[in-house]
Amino acid sequence: MYNVFGATTIGGHMVTAAHLMGVQCDYKAMQSDDEREVWRSMVRYNPLSEESECGEGSEWTEGIEAESAQPPACLPEKPYNSLEERSLHSLGYASLDEWPAAEGTQGRADKPPLYDLMMTLVRKRLKTNTTITIGESCLHAHLIVLQCYSGLFCDIGSNTLNVELPADWVTPRALRLIYEWMIVDGPRLSRLGLLEVLRAASFLRIVQLERQCDHCLAHGITEESAVMLYLEARLLRMERAHRSQLQRVGRFFLTLVASQEFLQLPLRALLLLLSSNGICVNSELEVFMSAVRWLNFDWPKRRLNVAQLIACVRFALVPPWLLIRLHDRQSQYVELKRIITLPEVLQRLHDGIGYTTTRLCYGADRDAFLQHLERTGMQPPQQRSWIYDGQCCYHHRLHCHIAEEFTYDTFLNYLNCLQRQHMNYWQTLEPVDASELCLSCQKEQTKSIQS
C-alpha cells in the first residue's frame, strides 16, 4: 500500500500530491513564462496527473481502489473524545460573597454616604421642588423636609409645587427661621423672631417646635428680655397670650417706667405689672408715682381707671409720715392733686396710715399684732422686691440723718437720671439688704467738704 499523497522530487525538492493539487489551482494565476515552465515540470512527474509521463494514471487508480476495499486495520472501539463535560460551578467555583481582606480594601474608592449627599442638596437648596409664597416673598424648599415636621404640609400632598401662606400667620422671616431649624442638626432657636416662629409653628402644626418655643419662653426670658418680648407680642397682635411676661420685669421696672413704652401700656397689662411682687423698687411710693405718670399721660380718657390702679398700690408698706406728707404737701402739683383728692384714693391713704400706725404701736410684739389683724379682718400686704440705687436721691438708709422729701418732681428727676445711664445700668441695682452703706450720704458729705 502506498500513500496517495505520495511525494516526488522535483528539482531536488520534495513535492507531495497535495502541493501539486494546490499548485494546479493556482496555475492560471501565474503571469510569467518561467512560472508556467515550472508548473509543467511538476505535472509531468505527478503520478496522479493525466499529463504525467507515467501514462493515464491507471496503476495509481487501481492501487487506490484496492486499498479502499480493505477494512481499516486498527479503528478505536471508543470515541476519540472521552472527556466528561463539566461546568465550573460543578467543579466548586462560585462568585465571592466578600472581598478578600487583603485585596478588597486596597485601592478602593470611598463612596460618600447617602445622608451627606442628601443634606448637601437640602442645605444648599439644590433641586428644590416646592415654592412657598408669602406676600411678595418666595422660599424655594424641598417638600419632603417640610412634610417631616409640618402637619399642614403633610395634608397638602406630594404633588403640590406651589403653596401660598397667609402673612398674618406666617411671616417670611419666621418661615426662613423655621426651615433653617428643620435642616440644621441642632435644635437651637434664635431669640430674634421667637414669637413669629411660635405663631407660624402653630399655624403649620409643628408640634416639636411649639414645645421648644414654649420652653424658651418659660425658662430663658427675664427682666429686660421679658419686656422686649412683650412689646414684640403687641406688634404681632399676641399681647394677650404673652402679657404675663411683664411679671418677670424685676430690676428693669424703673427703667421701663422711664420709657415712652410704659405710657402706652394697655390698662390690663399695667394692672398686672403693678400688682406683681417681682417688680424691684426703692419705695412703694414709686409704684404710686408710676401710676400717676401713666394716668396723666392721657388724663381725660384714663381718669376712669384711677380706682383700679390705686388698688394696686400697697400703702401699708409706706411709713405713715410719708403718707401724711403725700396727703398734705402735694396739692401744689396738679398731676397729684386731681388724683389724691378723689374719695377712693383718700380712703386708701387713710387705710394705709391706720395699718402702719397700728404696726408701730405693737412694736416688736409681732404675735399681738397678728392677733389684732385677725380680729379686725385686716390682711398684711405682700412685700415687693426692695432694691437700693445709689443714684436715687430720696433713698437713704434707716441710720442716715440726711433725708430728702419724696415728691413727684424728685421722682421725675430720678427717671431722667435713669435715662442718662448706660443701657445695662439696671443690672447694677442691688438688694436693699446687700449693704449698709449709703451712697447718697457719701455724696452729700463730699459736697459739704468741697464747699
Protein backbone atom coordinates (compact mmCIF):
# COMPACT_ATOMS: atom_id res chain seq x y z
CA MET A 1 0.00 0.00 0.00
CA TYR A 2 1.29 3.39 -0.80
CA ASN A 3 0.34 6.88 0.17
CA VAL A 4 -1.96 8.55 -2.26
CA PHE A 5 -0.42 11.74 -1.13
CA GLY A 6 2.95 10.32 -2.03
CA ALA A 7 5.78 12.66 -2.60
CA THR A 8 8.03 13.12 -5.60
CA THR A 9 11.21 15.01 -6.07
CA ILE A 10 11.24 17.91 -8.46
CA GLY A 11 14.37 19.95 -8.89
CA GLY A 12 15.82 18.49 -5.68
CA HIS A 13 12.71 19.37 -3.57
CA MET A 14 10.13 17.02 -2.07
CA VAL A 15 6.71 17.78 -3.57
CA THR A 16 3.54 15.99 -2.44
CA ALA A 17 0.34 15.45 -4.31
CA ALA A 18 -1.34 17.97 -2.06
CA HIS A 19 1.20 20.54 -3.14
CA LEU A 20 0.56 19.64 -6.74
CA MET A 21 -3.15 19.99 -6.32
CA GLY A 22 -2.68 23.39 -4.74
CA VAL A 23 -0.33 24.43 -7.45
CA GLN A 24 -2.78 23.22 -10.08
CA CYS A 25 -5.38 25.56 -8.67
CA ASP A 26 -3.05 28.50 -8.80
CA TYR A 27 -1.69 27.82 -12.29
CA LYS A 28 -3.94 30.20 -14.06
CA ALA A 29 -2.80 32.96 -11.78
CA MET A 30 0.78 32.72 -12.96
CA GLN A 31 1.93 35.55 -15.13
CA SER A 32 5.49 34.86 -16.35
CA ASP A 33 6.75 32.12 -18.69
CA ASP A 34 9.22 30.84 -16.09
CA GLU A 35 6.40 30.17 -13.66
CA ARG A 36 4.47 28.24 -16.34
CA GLU A 37 7.51 26.09 -17.15
CA VAL A 38 7.95 25.11 -13.51
CA TRP A 39 4.34 24.10 -13.46
CA ARG A 40 4.65 21.82 -16.47
CA SER A 41 7.62 20.04 -14.91
CA MET A 42 5.66 19.40 -11.69
CA VAL A 43 2.69 17.97 -13.59
CA ARG A 44 4.88 15.78 -15.78
CA TYR A 45 6.28 13.94 -12.77
CA ASN A 46 2.97 13.78 -10.82
CA PRO A 47 1.62 10.17 -10.99
CA LEU A 48 -1.92 11.37 -10.47
CA SER A 49 -1.88 13.82 -13.33
CA GLU A 50 -3.33 12.78 -16.69
CA GLU A 51 -0.42 14.55 -18.41
CA SER A 52 2.19 12.58 -16.46
CA GLU A 53 4.82 10.55 -18.29
CA CYS A 54 3.64 7.52 -16.35
CA GLY A 55 0.52 7.25 -18.50
CA GLU A 56 -3.10 7.73 -17.78
CA GLY A 57 -2.58 7.05 -14.11
CA SER A 58 -4.37 3.70 -14.21
CA GLU A 59 -1.91 1.95 -11.97
CA TRP A 60 -2.33 4.64 -9.35
CA THR A 61 -6.06 4.37 -9.61
CA GLU A 62 -6.12 0.59 -9.20
CA GLY A 63 -3.91 0.85 -6.16
CA ILE A 64 -6.20 3.34 -4.54
CA GLU A 65 -9.32 1.28 -5.23
CA ALA A 66 -7.69 -1.87 -3.86
CA GLU A 67 -6.74 -0.07 -0.67
CA SER A 68 -10.23 1.38 -0.27
CA ALA A 69 -11.85 -2.08 -0.45
CA GLN A 70 -9.89 -3.41 2.51
CA PRO A 71 -11.34 -2.69 6.00
CA PRO A 72 -9.44 -0.41 8.41
CA ALA A 73 -6.86 -2.32 10.41
CA CYS A 74 -6.92 -0.60 13.88
CA LEU A 75 -10.07 1.52 14.46
CA PRO A 76 -10.70 2.50 18.15
CA GLU A 77 -13.76 0.99 19.81
CA LYS A 78 -14.50 4.17 21.92
CA PRO A 79 -14.91 7.71 20.66
CA TYR A 80 -11.73 9.73 20.47
CA ASN A 81 -13.11 12.49 22.94
CA SER A 82 -13.72 10.64 26.20
CA LEU A 83 -13.63 13.85 28.44
CA GLU A 84 -16.75 14.35 30.58
CA GLU A 85 -18.10 17.84 30.11
CA ARG A 86 -18.47 19.65 33.46
CA SER A 87 -19.23 23.28 34.41
CA LEU A 88 -17.10 25.49 36.64
CA HIS A 89 -19.91 25.58 39.19
CA SER A 90 -19.82 21.74 39.42
CA LEU A 91 -16.09 21.96 39.97
CA GLY A 92 -16.67 24.18 43.01
CA TYR A 93 -16.07 27.62 41.53
CA ALA A 94 -18.52 30.37 42.53
CA SER A 95 -18.70 34.16 42.93
CA LEU A 96 -17.13 35.52 46.11
CA ASP A 97 -19.54 36.83 48.76
CA GLU A 98 -16.93 39.17 50.19
CA TRP A 99 -13.71 40.75 49.08
CA PRO A 100 -10.57 39.13 50.40
CA ALA A 101 -9.32 41.09 53.37
CA ALA A 102 -6.04 41.99 51.74
CA GLU A 103 -7.40 42.82 48.30
CA GLY A 104 -10.80 44.42 48.91
CA THR A 105 -9.57 47.47 50.78
CA GLN A 106 -6.55 48.36 48.69
CA GLY A 107 -7.08 50.98 46.04
CA ARG A 108 -10.84 51.01 46.58
CA ALA A 109 -12.60 54.38 46.08
CA ASP A 110 -14.69 55.56 49.07
CA LYS A 111 -18.40 56.03 48.45
CA PRO A 112 -19.88 59.16 50.06
CA PRO A 113 -22.73 58.40 52.48
CA LEU A 114 -26.23 58.95 51.13
CA TYR A 115 -27.14 61.08 54.15
CA ASP A 116 -24.30 63.51 53.42
CA LEU A 117 -25.30 63.80 49.77
CA MET A 118 -28.93 64.42 50.66
CA MET A 119 -28.03 67.01 53.30
CA THR A 120 -25.85 68.81 50.78
CA LEU A 121 -28.80 69.07 48.42
CA VAL A 122 -31.09 70.25 51.21
CA ARG A 123 -28.78 72.79 52.84
CA LYS A 124 -27.62 74.29 49.54
CA ARG A 125 -31.22 74.41 48.30
CA LEU A 126 -30.39 72.33 45.23
CA LYS A 127 -33.07 70.51 43.22
CA THR A 128 -35.90 72.10 45.21
CA ASN A 129 -39.39 71.05 44.22
CA THR A 130 -41.66 73.45 46.11
CA THR A 131 -42.12 77.22 46.10
CA ILE A 132 -43.74 78.85 49.13
CA THR A 133 -45.13 82.32 48.59
CA ILE A 134 -45.87 84.82 51.38
CA GLY A 135 -46.96 88.15 50.02
CA GLU A 136 -44.19 89.19 47.65
CA SER A 137 -41.58 86.85 49.18
CA CYS A 138 -40.80 83.36 47.93
CA LEU A 139 -38.92 80.47 49.50
CA HIS A 140 -37.72 77.51 47.45
CA ALA A 141 -37.66 74.35 49.54
CA HIS A 142 -37.81 70.57 49.48
CA LEU A 143 -41.34 69.38 50.16
CA ILE A 144 -40.19 66.19 51.87
CA VAL A 145 -38.35 68.27 54.51
CA LEU A 146 -41.48 70.27 55.29
CA GLN A 147 -43.59 67.14 55.44
CA CYS A 148 -41.25 65.58 58.01
CA TYR A 149 -42.22 68.23 60.58
CA SER A 150 -45.36 70.08 59.48
CA GLY A 151 -48.80 68.57 59.72
CA LEU A 152 -50.13 71.20 57.33
CA PHE A 153 -47.74 70.20 54.54
CA CYS A 154 -48.45 66.52 55.16
CA ASP A 155 -52.12 67.19 54.43
CA ILE A 156 -51.32 69.15 51.26
CA GLY A 157 -49.94 66.12 49.43
CA SER A 158 -46.81 65.31 47.46
CA ASN A 159 -47.93 66.71 44.10
CA THR A 160 -48.16 70.32 45.23
CA LEU A 161 -45.45 72.51 43.72
CA ASN A 162 -46.63 75.97 44.80
CA VAL A 163 -48.00 76.88 48.23
CA GLU A 164 -49.25 80.29 49.36
CA LEU A 165 -49.33 81.05 53.10
CA PRO A 166 -51.12 83.95 54.87
CA ALA A 167 -48.76 86.70 56.02
CA ASP A 168 -50.89 87.31 59.13
CA TRP A 169 -49.86 83.92 60.48
CA VAL A 170 -46.52 83.18 58.81
CA THR A 171 -44.05 85.97 58.12
CA PRO A 172 -41.19 85.50 55.62
CA ARG A 173 -38.67 85.76 58.44
CA ALA A 174 -40.49 83.15 60.52
CA LEU A 175 -40.65 80.71 57.59
CA ARG A 176 -36.94 81.17 56.90
CA LEU A 177 -36.08 80.56 60.57
CA ILE A 178 -38.33 77.50 60.71
CA TYR A 179 -36.81 75.99 57.56
CA GLU A 180 -33.32 76.57 58.96
CA TRP A 181 -34.43 74.87 62.17
CA MET A 182 -35.58 71.88 60.13
CA ILE A 183 -32.39 71.33 58.14
CA VAL A 184 -29.86 72.04 60.91
CA ASP A 185 -28.91 69.16 63.19
CA GLY A 186 -29.08 71.14 66.45
CA PRO A 187 -32.44 72.34 67.85
CA ARG A 188 -31.16 75.80 68.79
CA LEU A 189 -33.57 78.68 68.18
CA SER A 190 -32.77 82.32 67.61
CA ARG A 191 -34.13 84.82 70.12
CA LEU A 192 -34.84 87.24 67.28
CA GLY A 193 -38.27 86.47 65.87
CA LEU A 194 -39.13 83.87 68.52
CA LEU A 195 -42.77 84.91 68.76
CA GLU A 196 -43.11 84.96 64.98
CA VAL A 197 -41.74 81.43 64.90
CA LEU A 198 -44.17 80.32 67.62
CA ARG A 199 -47.17 81.73 65.78
CA ALA A 200 -46.07 80.23 62.46
CA ALA A 201 -45.38 76.87 64.11
CA SER A 202 -48.91 76.88 65.50
CA PHE A 203 -50.35 77.53 62.03
CA LEU A 204 -48.12 74.96 60.32
CA ARG A 205 -48.82 72.42 63.08
CA ILE A 206 -45.19 71.79 64.02
CA VAL A 207 -45.70 70.34 67.48
CA GLN A 208 -42.00 69.85 68.32
CA LEU A 209 -41.20 73.48 67.51
CA GLU A 210 -44.15 74.79 69.54
CA ARG A 211 -42.94 72.90 72.60
CA GLN A 212 -39.43 74.20 72.16
CA CYS A 213 -40.65 77.81 71.85
CA ASP A 214 -42.78 77.43 74.99
CA HIS A 215 -39.78 76.05 76.86
CA CYS A 216 -37.63 79.01 75.79
CA LEU A 217 -40.31 81.47 76.86
CA ALA A 218 -40.71 79.77 80.23
CA HIS A 219 -37.03 79.50 81.16
CA GLY A 220 -34.90 81.83 79.07
CA ILE A 221 -36.75 85.16 79.28
CA THR A 222 -36.32 87.53 82.25
CA GLU A 223 -36.31 91.25 83.08
CA GLU A 224 -35.17 93.29 80.06
CA SER A 225 -35.78 90.50 77.53
CA ALA A 226 -39.22 89.85 79.04
CA VAL A 227 -40.24 93.46 78.44
CA MET A 228 -38.92 93.45 74.89
CA LEU A 229 -40.72 90.18 74.23
CA TYR A 230 -43.99 91.65 75.47
CA LEU A 231 -43.60 94.71 73.25
CA GLU A 232 -42.92 92.42 70.30
CA ALA A 233 -46.06 90.46 71.14
CA ARG A 234 -48.08 93.67 70.96
CA LEU A 235 -46.82 94.37 67.45
CA LEU A 236 -47.72 90.83 66.40
CA ARG A 237 -51.17 91.07 67.98
CA MET A 238 -50.24 88.41 70.51
CA GLU A 239 -50.39 90.69 73.55
CA ARG A 240 -52.97 88.71 75.49
CA ALA A 241 -51.06 85.43 75.23
CA HIS A 242 -47.79 86.96 76.45
CA ARG A 243 -48.96 89.61 78.88
CA SER A 244 -47.63 87.55 81.77
CA GLN A 245 -44.07 88.34 80.64
CA LEU A 246 -44.43 91.67 82.44
CA GLN A 247 -44.38 89.84 85.77
CA ARG A 248 -40.72 88.99 85.11
CA VAL A 249 -39.62 92.61 84.74
CA GLY A 250 -37.66 92.59 88.04
CA ARG A 251 -34.91 95.24 88.24
CA PHE A 252 -35.86 96.61 84.83
CA PHE A 253 -39.13 98.05 86.20
CA LEU A 254 -37.94 101.61 86.86
CA THR A 255 -36.15 101.77 83.51
CA LEU A 256 -39.41 100.73 81.87
CA VAL A 257 -41.31 103.42 83.80
CA ALA A 258 -38.85 106.00 82.45
CA SER A 259 -39.63 105.00 78.85
CA GLN A 260 -42.33 106.05 76.42
CA GLU A 261 -43.49 102.44 76.05
CA PHE A 262 -44.67 102.49 79.67
CA LEU A 263 -47.07 105.33 78.91
CA GLN A 264 -48.57 103.31 76.04
CA LEU A 265 -49.23 100.15 78.02
CA PRO A 266 -52.86 98.99 77.95
CA LEU A 267 -54.75 99.03 81.24
CA ARG A 268 -54.80 95.26 81.79
CA ALA A 269 -51.08 94.99 81.24
CA LEU A 270 -50.39 97.86 83.64
CA LEU A 271 -52.61 96.33 86.33
CA LEU A 272 -50.74 93.05 86.01
CA LEU A 273 -47.41 94.87 86.21
CA LEU A 274 -48.19 96.99 89.28
CA SER A 275 -49.71 94.01 91.09
CA SER A 276 -46.58 91.91 90.71
CA ASN A 277 -44.42 91.09 93.73
CA GLY A 278 -41.40 90.81 91.46
CA ILE A 279 -41.02 94.47 90.48
CA CYS A 280 -37.92 96.00 92.11
CA VAL A 281 -38.39 99.45 93.69
CA ASN A 282 -36.69 101.71 96.21
CA SER A 283 -40.01 102.53 97.82
CA GLU A 284 -43.67 101.64 97.41
CA LEU A 285 -44.30 105.28 96.62
CA GLU A 286 -42.51 104.69 93.32
CA VAL A 287 -45.37 102.35 92.36
CA PHE A 288 -47.86 105.10 93.22
CA MET A 289 -45.91 107.73 91.25
CA SER A 290 -45.69 105.37 88.28
CA ALA A 291 -49.49 105.06 88.25
CA VAL A 292 -49.76 108.86 88.45
CA ARG A 293 -47.40 109.23 85.47
CA TRP A 294 -49.47 106.80 83.36
CA LEU A 295 -52.80 108.43 84.29
CA ASN A 296 -51.64 111.95 83.47
CA PHE A 297 -50.34 110.99 80.03
CA ASP A 298 -53.94 110.90 78.76
CA TRP A 299 -55.95 112.14 81.73
CA PRO A 300 -59.34 112.75 80.05
CA LYS A 301 -59.56 109.13 78.88
CA ARG A 302 -57.77 107.48 81.79
CA ARG A 303 -59.34 109.26 84.74
CA LEU A 304 -61.93 106.49 84.97
CA ASN A 305 -59.14 103.99 85.69
CA VAL A 306 -57.87 105.70 88.85
CA ALA A 307 -59.60 103.38 91.31
CA GLN A 308 -58.31 100.24 89.58
CA LEU A 309 -54.72 101.46 89.51
CA ILE A 310 -54.65 102.83 93.07
CA ALA A 311 -55.87 99.44 94.29
CA CYS A 312 -52.53 98.02 93.10
CA VAL A 313 -50.54 100.36 95.39
CA ARG A 314 -49.70 98.87 98.80
CA PHE A 315 -49.86 101.96 101.00
CA ALA A 316 -49.45 99.78 104.09
CA LEU A 317 -45.79 99.36 103.08
CA VAL A 318 -45.14 103.13 103.27
CA PRO A 319 -44.17 104.76 106.58
CA PRO A 320 -47.10 106.80 107.98
CA TRP A 321 -45.23 110.12 107.95
CA LEU A 322 -44.60 109.79 104.22
CA LEU A 323 -48.30 109.15 103.61
CA ILE A 324 -49.20 112.21 105.67
CA ARG A 325 -46.78 114.37 103.68
CA LEU A 326 -48.17 112.94 100.48
CA HIS A 327 -51.66 113.94 101.59
CA ASP A 328 -50.79 117.42 102.87
CA ARG A 329 -47.99 118.75 100.66
CA GLN A 330 -48.73 117.51 97.19
CA SER A 331 -51.50 119.98 96.41
CA GLN A 332 -49.01 122.18 94.56
CA TYR A 333 -48.69 119.55 91.83
CA VAL A 334 -51.70 119.47 89.55
CA GLU A 335 -50.89 115.92 88.41
CA LEU A 336 -51.13 114.70 92.03
CA LYS A 337 -53.88 116.94 93.32
CA ARG A 338 -56.55 115.72 90.90
CA ILE A 339 -55.80 112.15 91.90
CA ILE A 340 -55.26 112.39 95.66
CA THR A 341 -58.43 114.40 96.20
CA LEU A 342 -60.59 111.61 94.79
CA PRO A 343 -62.55 109.84 97.57
CA GLU A 344 -61.37 106.32 96.69
CA VAL A 345 -57.74 107.46 96.81
CA LEU A 346 -58.19 109.26 100.15
CA GLN A 347 -59.77 106.14 101.66
CA ARG A 348 -56.80 104.02 100.69
CA LEU A 349 -54.38 106.57 102.08
CA HIS A 350 -56.22 106.54 105.42
CA ASP A 351 -56.27 102.74 105.50
CA GLY A 352 -52.53 102.70 104.89
CA ILE A 353 -51.87 105.22 107.66
CA GLY A 354 -54.05 103.19 110.05
CA TYR A 355 -52.26 99.95 109.30
CA THR A 356 -48.72 101.32 109.64
CA THR A 357 -49.58 103.26 112.81
CA THR A 358 -51.02 100.15 114.44
CA ARG A 359 -47.97 98.18 113.43
CA LEU A 360 -45.70 100.72 115.12
CA CYS A 361 -47.83 100.64 118.27
CA TYR A 362 -47.30 96.93 118.74
CA GLY A 363 -43.58 97.35 118.18
CA ALA A 364 -41.67 94.08 118.47
CA ASP A 365 -44.70 92.13 119.69
CA ARG A 366 -45.45 90.53 116.37
CA ASP A 367 -47.81 87.89 117.79
CA ALA A 368 -50.07 90.51 119.35
CA PHE A 369 -50.13 92.41 116.08
CA LEU A 370 -51.15 89.28 114.18
CA GLN A 371 -53.97 88.71 116.66
CA HIS A 372 -55.12 92.27 116.06
CA LEU A 373 -55.17 91.66 112.31
CA GLU A 374 -57.22 88.52 112.85
CA ARG A 375 -59.78 90.37 114.99
CA THR A 376 -60.15 93.27 112.57
CA GLY A 377 -60.01 91.17 109.41
CA MET A 378 -57.08 93.17 108.02
CA GLN A 379 -54.65 91.48 105.66
CA PRO A 380 -50.91 92.21 105.84
CA PRO A 381 -49.54 93.44 102.49
CA GLN A 382 -47.15 91.29 100.49
CA GLN A 383 -43.64 92.62 100.20
CA ARG A 384 -42.09 93.91 97.00
CA SER A 385 -38.56 93.20 95.79
CA TRP A 386 -36.72 96.04 97.51
CA ILE A 387 -33.56 97.44 95.95
CA TYR A 388 -31.06 100.17 96.70
CA ASP A 389 -29.88 102.54 93.97
CA GLY A 390 -27.12 104.94 94.87
CA GLN A 391 -28.32 107.33 92.14
CA CYS A 392 -31.72 107.67 93.82
CA CYS A 393 -31.54 110.91 95.79
CA TYR A 394 -34.53 110.16 98.04
CA HIS A 395 -33.40 106.67 99.06
CA HIS A 396 -31.39 106.75 102.29
CA ARG A 397 -30.57 104.03 104.78
CA LEU A 398 -32.51 103.93 108.03
CA HIS A 399 -29.49 105.05 110.05
CA CYS A 400 -28.90 108.13 107.85
CA HIS A 401 -29.51 111.61 109.24
CA ILE A 402 -29.90 113.06 105.74
CA ALA A 403 -33.31 112.77 104.19
CA GLU A 404 -34.87 114.26 101.08
CA GLU A 405 -38.58 114.63 100.67
CA PHE A 406 -40.15 112.27 98.15
CA THR A 407 -42.12 114.45 95.73
CA TYR A 408 -43.42 113.98 92.23
CA ASP A 409 -40.62 116.21 90.92
CA THR A 410 -37.88 114.20 92.64
CA PHE A 411 -39.38 111.05 91.15
CA LEU A 412 -39.32 112.52 87.63
CA ASN A 413 -35.73 113.70 88.18
CA TYR A 414 -34.78 110.16 89.16
CA LEU A 415 -36.38 108.80 85.98
CA ASN A 416 -34.46 111.38 83.99
CA CYS A 417 -31.26 110.16 85.67
CA LEU A 418 -32.06 106.57 84.65
CA GLN A 419 -32.49 107.65 81.04
CA ARG A 420 -28.94 109.02 81.00
CA GLN A 421 -27.34 105.85 82.33
CA HIS A 422 -25.82 103.15 80.14
CA MET A 423 -28.23 100.51 78.92
CA ASN A 424 -27.09 97.84 81.41
CA TYR A 425 -27.27 100.11 84.44
CA TRP A 426 -30.33 98.31 85.79
CA GLN A 427 -28.16 95.23 86.30
CA THR A 428 -26.12 97.11 88.93
CA LEU A 429 -29.11 97.55 91.24
CA GLU A 430 -28.57 95.51 94.39
CA PRO A 431 -30.96 94.15 97.02
CA VAL A 432 -31.63 96.56 99.85
CA ASP A 433 -30.05 94.33 102.48
CA ALA A 434 -26.85 93.69 100.50
CA SER A 435 -25.01 96.54 102.25
CA GLU A 436 -25.47 99.17 104.94
CA LEU A 437 -23.50 101.75 103.00
CA CYS A 438 -25.48 104.82 101.94
CA LEU A 439 -24.08 106.26 98.75
CA SER A 440 -26.35 109.30 98.88
CA CYS A 441 -24.93 110.26 102.25
CA GLN A 442 -21.39 109.94 100.96
CA LYS A 443 -22.22 112.29 98.09
CA GLU A 444 -23.67 114.85 100.49
CA GLN A 445 -20.60 114.64 102.73
CA THR A 446 -18.29 115.06 99.74
CA LYS A 447 -20.19 118.17 98.62
CA SER A 448 -20.00 119.71 102.10
CA ILE A 449 -16.24 119.10 102.33
CA GLN A 450 -15.60 120.64 98.92
CA SER A 451 -17.66 123.72 99.79
